[in-house]
Every structure is written in structure tokens, then in C-alpha cells.
Amino acid sequence: MNYSILPYRQTLEIADFPHVVTLIQKQMQFIGYTKTNDEIVAVMRNAMKSGSRSIFFVAYEEDETAIGFAYGNVCSGMENGGDYLWLNELYVSPECRNQGLGSELLSFVQTWAKENGCVYFAMVTHPANERAQDLYRSNGFELEKLVWVDKYL
């Protein structure tokens, strides 16, 4: 499969944006959230606003159809001594899975992060999502047990 990956920051000028919104919607459904297209566009507008440290990577087929994405934020951490990339989402269209695109997205994101001053890369996945865990493990990530703590404000 031939594809390209493009990074986007502080812009909604994303090629094939309507289909990207659909991919995000599918990812949200997969992790248990029901979001309308309007809600996703509003969240994207916030994430890609001026001054944001969010980064959105989109994988495209040769015909410029979006087939996957990764979304993260550049953060600062005391424990790792600098900026790091927190990967919030990684999604590949079901028809494009098991062809190396997930690994290619991870590699591209890691390279981008390193070239942009990040010294660390982190994410979480659900304990039951064994396919994701296999993907991360096969790409050299360490899987740790942790307790996720959060609260809506």
C-alpha cells in the first residue's frame, strides 16, 4: 500500500477533512463515545487553534483519501527533563489494518517528535485492547501497569 502522512498544527486546513471527521467519529465510537460531526469539528477547532501544542497526523492513500490518523499533544514533564509527546489517539481504517500503517504512523510521529525537541513519547491504551498492545510492543514500546486517574471538571 502506498500512502503519505502529513502533520497539521494550528489549522483546520486538513486535506479530506470531512472524511477525517468520519474517521475520528469511528475512533470515538470504538472507545465508547458517541460524538456528532459538529461536536468533532468543535473539538478539532479547539485543538488546532492558534497557540495550541496539539499535533494531528493524517495518513492518506495515493488518491488523498484519509485512511488513518494520530493525534497528540506536546507537553512538558519534570520526570523526563523536557518536552514529550502524549499520543491521545491512533486510528487506522479497518480496511487498511494489518498492512503496516499503524507502525508507520507510530514511526512518523516518533520522528516528528524527536525532530521537534521531544525527549519522551507516551500514551495509554485500554487493558482489553490487545491488538493495540501488540502493535505498541512490536514497535519497541514498554507496556507498564498503571492506574489511570481522571475527573471531568
N, C-alpha and C. Protein backbone atom coordinates (compact mmCIF):
# COMPACT_ATOMS: atom_id res chain seq x y z
N MET A 1 0.84 -1.17 0.00
CA MET A 1 0.00 0.00 0.00
C MET A 1 0.89 1.24 0.00
N ASN A 2 0.62 2.17 -0.88
CA ASN A 2 1.34 3.43 -0.91
C ASN A 2 0.49 4.50 -0.22
N TYR A 3 1.12 5.20 0.69
CA TYR A 3 0.42 6.26 1.40
C TYR A 3 1.42 7.32 1.84
N SER A 4 0.87 8.45 2.25
CA SER A 4 1.69 9.53 2.78
C SER A 4 1.10 9.96 4.12
N ILE A 5 1.92 10.55 4.95
CA ILE A 5 1.48 11.03 6.25
C ILE A 5 1.86 12.51 6.34
N LEU A 6 0.89 13.33 6.73
CA LEU A 6 1.11 14.77 6.87
C LEU A 6 0.79 15.22 8.29
N PRO A 7 1.65 16.07 8.87
CA PRO A 7 1.35 16.64 10.19
C PRO A 7 0.62 17.98 10.03
N TYR A 8 -0.29 18.25 10.95
CA TYR A 8 -1.03 19.52 10.96
C TYR A 8 -0.97 20.11 12.36
N ARG A 9 -0.72 21.42 12.42
CA ARG A 9 -0.73 22.16 13.68
C ARG A 9 -1.41 23.49 13.46
N GLN A 10 -2.24 23.87 14.39
CA GLN A 10 -2.87 25.18 14.42
C GLN A 10 -3.58 25.54 13.12
N THR A 11 -4.26 24.54 12.53
CA THR A 11 -5.02 24.78 11.31
C THR A 11 -6.09 23.71 11.14
N LEU A 12 -7.19 24.10 10.54
CA LEU A 12 -8.21 23.13 10.14
C LEU A 12 -8.15 22.90 8.63
N GLU A 13 -7.14 23.46 7.99
CA GLU A 13 -6.93 23.24 6.56
C GLU A 13 -6.31 21.86 6.38
N ILE A 14 -7.10 20.84 6.67
CA ILE A 14 -6.67 19.46 6.63
C ILE A 14 -7.28 18.81 5.39
N ALA A 15 -6.44 18.25 4.55
CA ALA A 15 -6.92 17.61 3.32
C ALA A 15 -7.91 16.50 3.67
N ASP A 16 -8.99 16.41 2.89
CA ASP A 16 -10.05 15.41 3.08
C ASP A 16 -10.67 15.51 4.47
N PHE A 17 -10.85 16.75 4.95
CA PHE A 17 -11.33 16.98 6.31
C PHE A 17 -12.65 16.28 6.62
N PRO A 18 -13.65 16.30 5.72
CA PRO A 18 -14.90 15.60 6.06
C PRO A 18 -14.69 14.11 6.37
N HIS A 19 -13.81 13.46 5.61
CA HIS A 19 -13.54 12.04 5.86
C HIS A 19 -12.72 11.87 7.14
N VAL A 20 -11.82 12.80 7.43
CA VAL A 20 -11.06 12.77 8.68
C VAL A 20 -12.03 12.82 9.86
N VAL A 21 -13.03 13.69 9.77
CA VAL A 21 -14.03 13.78 10.83
C VAL A 21 -14.74 12.44 11.01
N THR A 22 -15.05 11.77 9.91
CA THR A 22 -15.69 10.45 9.98
C THR A 22 -14.77 9.44 10.67
N LEU A 23 -13.47 9.47 10.35
CA LEU A 23 -12.52 8.57 11.00
C LEU A 23 -12.46 8.84 12.50
N ILE A 24 -12.45 10.10 12.88
CA ILE A 24 -12.43 10.45 14.31
C ILE A 24 -13.69 9.93 14.98
N GLN A 25 -14.81 10.09 14.31
CA GLN A 25 -16.08 9.60 14.85
C GLN A 25 -16.03 8.09 15.08
N LYS A 26 -15.45 7.36 14.14
CA LYS A 26 -15.32 5.90 14.30
C LYS A 26 -14.41 5.55 15.47
N GLN A 27 -13.32 6.30 15.64
CA GLN A 27 -12.43 6.06 16.78
C GLN A 27 -13.16 6.33 18.09
N MET A 28 -13.91 7.41 18.13
CA MET A 28 -14.65 7.74 19.35
C MET A 28 -15.66 6.63 19.68
N GLN A 29 -16.34 6.11 18.67
CA GLN A 29 -17.27 5.00 18.89
C GLN A 29 -16.55 3.78 19.43
N PHE A 30 -15.36 3.49 18.87
CA PHE A 30 -14.58 2.34 19.29
C PHE A 30 -14.23 2.42 20.78
N ILE A 31 -13.93 3.63 21.26
CA ILE A 31 -13.54 3.77 22.67
C ILE A 31 -14.73 4.12 23.57
N GLY A 32 -15.94 4.09 22.99
CA GLY A 32 -17.13 4.21 23.83
C GLY A 32 -17.80 5.56 23.90
N TYR A 33 -17.48 6.46 22.97
CA TYR A 33 -18.09 7.79 22.97
C TYR A 33 -18.90 7.99 21.70
N THR A 34 -20.06 8.60 21.84
CA THR A 34 -20.88 8.94 20.69
C THR A 34 -20.76 10.44 20.47
N LYS A 35 -20.17 10.82 19.36
CA LYS A 35 -19.96 12.24 19.04
C LYS A 35 -20.55 12.53 17.67
N THR A 36 -21.22 13.66 17.55
CA THR A 36 -21.74 14.08 16.25
C THR A 36 -20.61 14.72 15.45
N ASN A 37 -20.83 14.87 14.16
CA ASN A 37 -19.84 15.55 13.33
C ASN A 37 -19.59 16.96 13.84
N ASP A 38 -20.65 17.67 14.23
CA ASP A 38 -20.50 19.04 14.74
C ASP A 38 -19.66 19.07 16.01
N GLU A 39 -19.84 18.10 16.89
CA GLU A 39 -19.05 18.04 18.12
C GLU A 39 -17.58 17.79 17.79
N ILE A 40 -17.32 16.91 16.85
CA ILE A 40 -15.94 16.62 16.47
C ILE A 40 -15.29 17.84 15.83
N VAL A 41 -16.00 18.53 14.97
CA VAL A 41 -15.46 19.75 14.35
C VAL A 41 -15.16 20.79 15.43
N ALA A 42 -16.03 20.93 16.42
CA ALA A 42 -15.79 21.89 17.50
C ALA A 42 -14.54 21.52 18.30
N VAL A 43 -14.36 20.23 18.58
CA VAL A 43 -13.18 19.79 19.31
C VAL A 43 -11.92 20.01 18.47
N MET A 44 -12.01 19.71 17.18
CA MET A 44 -10.87 19.94 16.30
C MET A 44 -10.54 21.43 16.20
N ARG A 45 -11.55 22.25 16.13
CA ARG A 45 -11.33 23.71 16.08
C ARG A 45 -10.56 24.15 17.33
N ASN A 46 -10.93 23.63 18.49
CA ASN A 46 -10.23 23.96 19.72
C ASN A 46 -8.81 23.41 19.72
N ALA A 47 -8.65 22.16 19.30
CA ALA A 47 -7.33 21.53 19.31
C ALA A 47 -6.36 22.20 18.34
N MET A 48 -6.87 22.71 17.24
CA MET A 48 -6.00 23.27 16.21
C MET A 48 -5.94 24.80 16.25
N LYS A 49 -6.42 25.40 17.34
CA LYS A 49 -6.42 26.86 17.44
C LYS A 49 -5.00 27.40 17.58
N SER A 50 -4.87 28.67 17.31
CA SER A 50 -3.58 29.35 17.42
C SER A 50 -3.03 29.19 18.84
N GLY A 51 -1.77 28.85 18.94
CA GLY A 51 -1.11 28.70 20.23
C GLY A 51 -1.20 27.30 20.81
N SER A 52 -2.00 26.43 20.21
CA SER A 52 -2.15 25.07 20.71
C SER A 52 -0.87 24.28 20.50
N ARG A 53 -0.62 23.35 21.39
CA ARG A 53 0.53 22.44 21.25
C ARG A 53 0.08 21.07 20.74
N SER A 54 -1.15 21.02 20.22
CA SER A 54 -1.67 19.79 19.63
C SER A 54 -1.05 19.56 18.27
N ILE A 55 -0.97 18.30 17.90
CA ILE A 55 -0.47 17.92 16.59
C ILE A 55 -1.33 16.78 16.07
N PHE A 56 -1.74 16.90 14.82
CA PHE A 56 -2.63 15.94 14.20
C PHE A 56 -1.95 15.40 12.95
N PHE A 57 -1.78 14.10 12.88
CA PHE A 57 -1.13 13.44 11.74
C PHE A 57 -2.18 12.66 10.97
N VAL A 58 -2.21 12.83 9.66
CA VAL A 58 -3.18 12.10 8.84
C VAL A 58 -2.45 11.29 7.79
N ALA A 59 -2.83 10.02 7.68
CA ALA A 59 -2.31 9.13 6.65
C ALA A 59 -3.29 9.13 5.48
N TYR A 60 -2.74 9.28 4.27
CA TYR A 60 -3.55 9.35 3.06
C TYR A 60 -3.13 8.27 2.07
N GLU A 61 -4.13 7.72 1.35
CA GLU A 61 -3.86 6.88 0.21
C GLU A 61 -3.37 7.78 -0.92
N GLU A 62 -2.91 7.17 -2.00
CA GLU A 62 -2.41 7.94 -3.15
C GLU A 62 -3.44 8.92 -3.69
N ASP A 63 -4.73 8.57 -3.60
CA ASP A 63 -5.78 9.46 -4.11
C ASP A 63 -6.17 10.55 -3.11
N GLU A 64 -5.38 10.68 -2.03
CA GLU A 64 -5.57 11.69 -0.99
C GLU A 64 -6.79 11.44 -0.12
N THR A 65 -7.23 10.18 -0.05
CA THR A 65 -8.28 9.80 0.88
C THR A 65 -7.65 9.47 2.22
N ALA A 66 -8.18 10.07 3.29
CA ALA A 66 -7.66 9.81 4.63
C ALA A 66 -7.99 8.38 5.04
N ILE A 67 -6.98 7.66 5.55
CA ILE A 67 -7.17 6.27 5.94
C ILE A 67 -6.75 5.99 7.39
N GLY A 68 -6.19 6.98 8.05
CA GLY A 68 -5.79 6.82 9.44
C GLY A 68 -5.29 8.12 10.00
N PHE A 69 -5.16 8.16 11.31
CA PHE A 69 -4.66 9.38 11.95
C PHE A 69 -4.04 9.06 13.30
N ALA A 70 -3.25 10.00 13.75
CA ALA A 70 -2.71 10.01 15.11
C ALA A 70 -2.87 11.44 15.61
N TYR A 71 -3.21 11.56 16.88
CA TYR A 71 -3.42 12.88 17.47
C TYR A 71 -2.71 12.92 18.81
N GLY A 72 -1.96 13.98 19.04
CA GLY A 72 -1.26 14.10 20.31
C GLY A 72 -1.03 15.53 20.70
N ASN A 73 -0.36 15.69 21.83
CA ASN A 73 -0.04 17.00 22.38
C ASN A 73 1.39 17.02 22.86
N VAL A 74 2.07 18.09 22.60
CA VAL A 74 3.40 18.30 23.16
C VAL A 74 3.20 18.85 24.56
N CYS A 75 3.79 18.16 25.52
CA CYS A 75 3.65 18.52 26.94
C CYS A 75 5.05 18.72 27.52
N SER A 76 5.10 19.27 28.71
CA SER A 76 6.37 19.40 29.43
C SER A 76 6.30 18.53 30.67
N GLY A 77 7.41 17.87 30.98
CA GLY A 77 7.42 16.99 32.14
C GLY A 77 8.64 17.16 33.00
N MET A 78 8.44 17.11 34.29
CA MET A 78 9.55 17.19 35.24
C MET A 78 10.37 15.91 35.22
N GLU A 79 9.66 14.77 35.13
CA GLU A 79 10.34 13.49 35.26
C GLU A 79 11.22 13.15 34.07
N ASN A 80 10.89 13.67 32.87
CA ASN A 80 11.69 13.30 31.70
C ASN A 80 12.62 14.40 31.23
N GLY A 81 12.63 15.52 31.91
CA GLY A 81 13.61 16.57 31.64
C GLY A 81 13.38 17.40 30.40
N GLY A 82 12.16 17.45 29.92
CA GLY A 82 11.89 18.26 28.74
C GLY A 82 10.50 18.03 28.19
N ASP A 83 10.33 18.44 26.95
CA ASP A 83 9.05 18.23 26.30
C ASP A 83 8.89 16.77 25.91
N TYR A 84 7.64 16.33 25.87
CA TYR A 84 7.34 14.99 25.40
C TYR A 84 6.05 15.01 24.60
N LEU A 85 5.86 13.99 23.82
CA LEU A 85 4.63 13.87 23.04
C LEU A 85 3.72 12.87 23.72
N TRP A 86 2.52 13.32 24.06
CA TRP A 86 1.49 12.44 24.59
C TRP A 86 0.56 12.11 23.43
N LEU A 87 0.50 10.83 23.07
CA LEU A 87 -0.35 10.39 21.97
C LEU A 87 -1.73 10.07 22.53
N ASN A 88 -2.71 10.87 22.15
CA ASN A 88 -4.08 10.68 22.62
C ASN A 88 -4.82 9.62 21.82
N GLU A 89 -4.63 9.62 20.51
CA GLU A 89 -5.41 8.74 19.64
C GLU A 89 -4.54 8.21 18.51
N LEU A 90 -4.82 6.98 18.12
CA LEU A 90 -4.22 6.38 16.93
C LEU A 90 -5.32 5.51 16.32
N TYR A 91 -5.59 5.74 15.04
CA TYR A 91 -6.68 5.00 14.40
C TYR A 91 -6.33 4.73 12.95
N VAL A 92 -6.59 3.50 12.52
CA VAL A 92 -6.42 3.09 11.13
C VAL A 92 -7.75 2.50 10.67
N SER A 93 -8.20 2.91 9.49
CA SER A 93 -9.44 2.38 8.93
C SER A 93 -9.39 0.86 8.93
N PRO A 94 -10.49 0.20 9.28
CA PRO A 94 -10.49 -1.27 9.33
C PRO A 94 -9.99 -1.93 8.05
N GLU A 95 -10.34 -1.37 6.90
CA GLU A 95 -9.93 -1.98 5.63
C GLU A 95 -8.43 -1.81 5.35
N CYS A 96 -7.75 -0.98 6.13
CA CYS A 96 -6.32 -0.73 5.93
C CYS A 96 -5.46 -1.35 7.04
N ARG A 97 -6.08 -2.07 7.94
CA ARG A 97 -5.33 -2.66 9.06
C ARG A 97 -4.53 -3.87 8.60
N ASN A 98 -3.54 -4.22 9.42
CA ASN A 98 -2.67 -5.38 9.17
C ASN A 98 -1.85 -5.22 7.90
N GLN A 99 -1.55 -3.97 7.54
CA GLN A 99 -0.72 -3.70 6.37
C GLN A 99 0.47 -2.81 6.73
N GLY A 100 0.68 -2.59 8.03
CA GLY A 100 1.82 -1.82 8.48
C GLY A 100 1.56 -0.34 8.69
N LEU A 101 0.35 0.12 8.44
CA LEU A 101 0.08 1.56 8.57
C LEU A 101 0.17 2.04 10.02
N GLY A 102 -0.31 1.25 10.97
CA GLY A 102 -0.20 1.65 12.37
C GLY A 102 1.25 1.84 12.79
N SER A 103 2.09 0.90 12.38
CA SER A 103 3.53 1.02 12.69
C SER A 103 4.14 2.22 11.99
N GLU A 104 3.73 2.46 10.75
CA GLU A 104 4.25 3.61 10.01
C GLU A 104 3.83 4.92 10.67
N LEU A 105 2.59 5.01 11.11
CA LEU A 105 2.14 6.21 11.83
C LEU A 105 2.96 6.41 13.10
N LEU A 106 3.15 5.34 13.87
CA LEU A 106 3.96 5.46 15.09
C LEU A 106 5.37 5.92 14.79
N SER A 107 5.98 5.36 13.77
CA SER A 107 7.33 5.75 13.39
C SER A 107 7.39 7.21 12.97
N PHE A 108 6.43 7.62 12.15
CA PHE A 108 6.39 9.01 11.68
C PHE A 108 6.23 9.97 12.85
N VAL A 109 5.31 9.65 13.76
CA VAL A 109 5.07 10.51 14.92
C VAL A 109 6.31 10.59 15.80
N GLN A 110 6.98 9.47 16.01
CA GLN A 110 8.21 9.47 16.82
C GLN A 110 9.28 10.34 16.19
N THR A 111 9.46 10.20 14.89
CA THR A 111 10.46 11.01 14.19
C THR A 111 10.11 12.48 14.29
N TRP A 112 8.84 12.81 14.06
CA TRP A 112 8.41 14.21 14.17
C TRP A 112 8.69 14.73 15.57
N ALA A 113 8.33 13.96 16.58
CA ALA A 113 8.52 14.39 17.97
C ALA A 113 9.99 14.66 18.27
N LYS A 114 10.85 13.74 17.88
CA LYS A 114 12.28 13.90 18.12
C LYS A 114 12.82 15.13 17.39
N GLU A 115 12.42 15.30 16.14
CA GLU A 115 12.89 16.45 15.36
C GLU A 115 12.35 17.78 15.90
N ASN A 116 11.30 17.73 16.71
CA ASN A 116 10.70 18.93 17.28
C ASN A 116 10.98 19.07 18.77
N GLY A 117 12.06 18.44 19.23
CA GLY A 117 12.57 18.66 20.57
C GLY A 117 11.99 17.82 21.67
N CYS A 118 11.18 16.84 21.35
CA CYS A 118 10.63 15.97 22.38
C CYS A 118 11.65 14.90 22.77
N VAL A 119 11.70 14.60 24.06
CA VAL A 119 12.66 13.61 24.56
C VAL A 119 11.98 12.32 25.03
N TYR A 120 10.66 12.29 24.94
CA TYR A 120 9.90 11.18 25.50
C TYR A 120 8.60 11.07 24.74
N PHE A 121 8.04 9.87 24.67
CA PHE A 121 6.80 9.62 23.94
C PHE A 121 5.96 8.69 24.81
N ALA A 122 4.73 9.06 25.09
CA ALA A 122 3.90 8.24 25.97
C ALA A 122 2.45 8.21 25.50
N MET A 123 1.73 7.19 25.95
CA MET A 123 0.32 7.03 25.63
C MET A 123 -0.24 5.98 26.57
N VAL A 124 -1.55 5.81 26.54
CA VAL A 124 -2.21 4.70 27.23
C VAL A 124 -3.14 4.02 26.25
N THR A 125 -3.44 2.78 26.54
CA THR A 125 -4.47 2.07 25.80
C THR A 125 -5.24 1.23 26.80
N HIS A 126 -6.42 0.85 26.42
CA HIS A 126 -7.27 0.08 27.32
C HIS A 126 -6.65 -1.31 27.54
N PRO A 127 -6.71 -1.83 28.77
CA PRO A 127 -6.13 -3.15 29.03
C PRO A 127 -6.72 -4.27 28.17
N ALA A 128 -7.94 -4.11 27.70
CA ALA A 128 -8.56 -5.14 26.87
C ALA A 128 -8.21 -4.99 25.39
N ASN A 129 -7.57 -3.90 25.01
CA ASN A 129 -7.24 -3.67 23.61
C ASN A 129 -5.90 -4.35 23.29
N GLU A 130 -5.97 -5.66 23.14
CA GLU A 130 -4.76 -6.45 22.93
C GLU A 130 -4.10 -6.17 21.59
N ARG A 131 -4.89 -5.85 20.55
CA ARG A 131 -4.31 -5.53 19.24
C ARG A 131 -3.42 -4.30 19.35
N ALA A 132 -3.90 -3.28 20.06
CA ALA A 132 -3.09 -2.07 20.24
C ALA A 132 -1.83 -2.39 21.04
N GLN A 133 -1.98 -3.19 22.10
CA GLN A 133 -0.83 -3.54 22.90
C GLN A 133 0.21 -4.30 22.07
N ASP A 134 -0.25 -5.20 21.23
CA ASP A 134 0.67 -5.92 20.35
C ASP A 134 1.38 -4.96 19.40
N LEU A 135 0.64 -4.00 18.85
CA LEU A 135 1.24 -3.00 17.95
C LEU A 135 2.32 -2.22 18.68
N TYR A 136 2.02 -1.72 19.87
CA TYR A 136 2.99 -0.91 20.61
C TYR A 136 4.20 -1.74 21.01
N ARG A 137 3.96 -2.96 21.50
CA ARG A 137 5.06 -3.83 21.91
C ARG A 137 5.97 -4.13 20.72
N SER A 138 5.37 -4.43 19.56
CA SER A 138 6.17 -4.78 18.38
C SER A 138 6.94 -3.58 17.83
N ASN A 139 6.58 -2.38 18.27
CA ASN A 139 7.29 -1.17 17.85
C ASN A 139 8.21 -0.64 18.93
N GLY A 140 8.55 -1.49 19.90
CA GLY A 140 9.57 -1.15 20.88
C GLY A 140 9.10 -0.37 22.09
N PHE A 141 7.79 -0.26 22.28
CA PHE A 141 7.28 0.45 23.46
C PHE A 141 7.24 -0.49 24.66
N GLU A 142 7.50 0.06 25.82
CA GLU A 142 7.40 -0.67 27.07
C GLU A 142 5.97 -0.53 27.58
N LEU A 143 5.34 -1.64 27.90
CA LEU A 143 3.99 -1.61 28.45
C LEU A 143 4.09 -1.74 29.96
N GLU A 144 3.53 -0.75 30.65
CA GLU A 144 3.59 -0.73 32.11
C GLU A 144 2.19 -0.82 32.68
N LYS A 145 2.09 -1.37 33.87
CA LYS A 145 0.82 -1.34 34.58
C LYS A 145 0.74 0.01 35.27
N LEU A 146 -0.43 0.63 35.19
CA LEU A 146 -0.62 1.90 35.85
C LEU A 146 -2.07 2.05 36.24
N VAL A 147 -2.33 3.03 37.04
CA VAL A 147 -3.69 3.37 37.42
C VAL A 147 -4.01 4.71 36.79
N TRP A 148 -4.99 4.72 35.91
CA TRP A 148 -5.41 5.95 35.24
C TRP A 148 -6.30 6.72 36.19
N VAL A 149 -5.99 7.98 36.42
CA VAL A 149 -6.75 8.81 37.34
C VAL A 149 -7.25 10.02 36.56
N ASP A 150 -8.56 10.26 36.59
CA ASP A 150 -9.08 11.43 35.90
C ASP A 150 -10.37 11.91 36.52
N LYS A 151 -10.80 13.10 36.10
CA LYS A 151 -12.03 13.69 36.61
C LYS A 151 -12.48 14.77 35.66
N TYR A 152 -13.72 14.73 35.26
CA TYR A 152 -14.27 15.81 34.43
C TYR A 152 -14.51 17.02 35.31
N LEU A 153 -14.18 18.19 34.80
CA LEU A 153 -14.37 19.43 35.55
C LEU A 153 -15.55 20.21 35.01
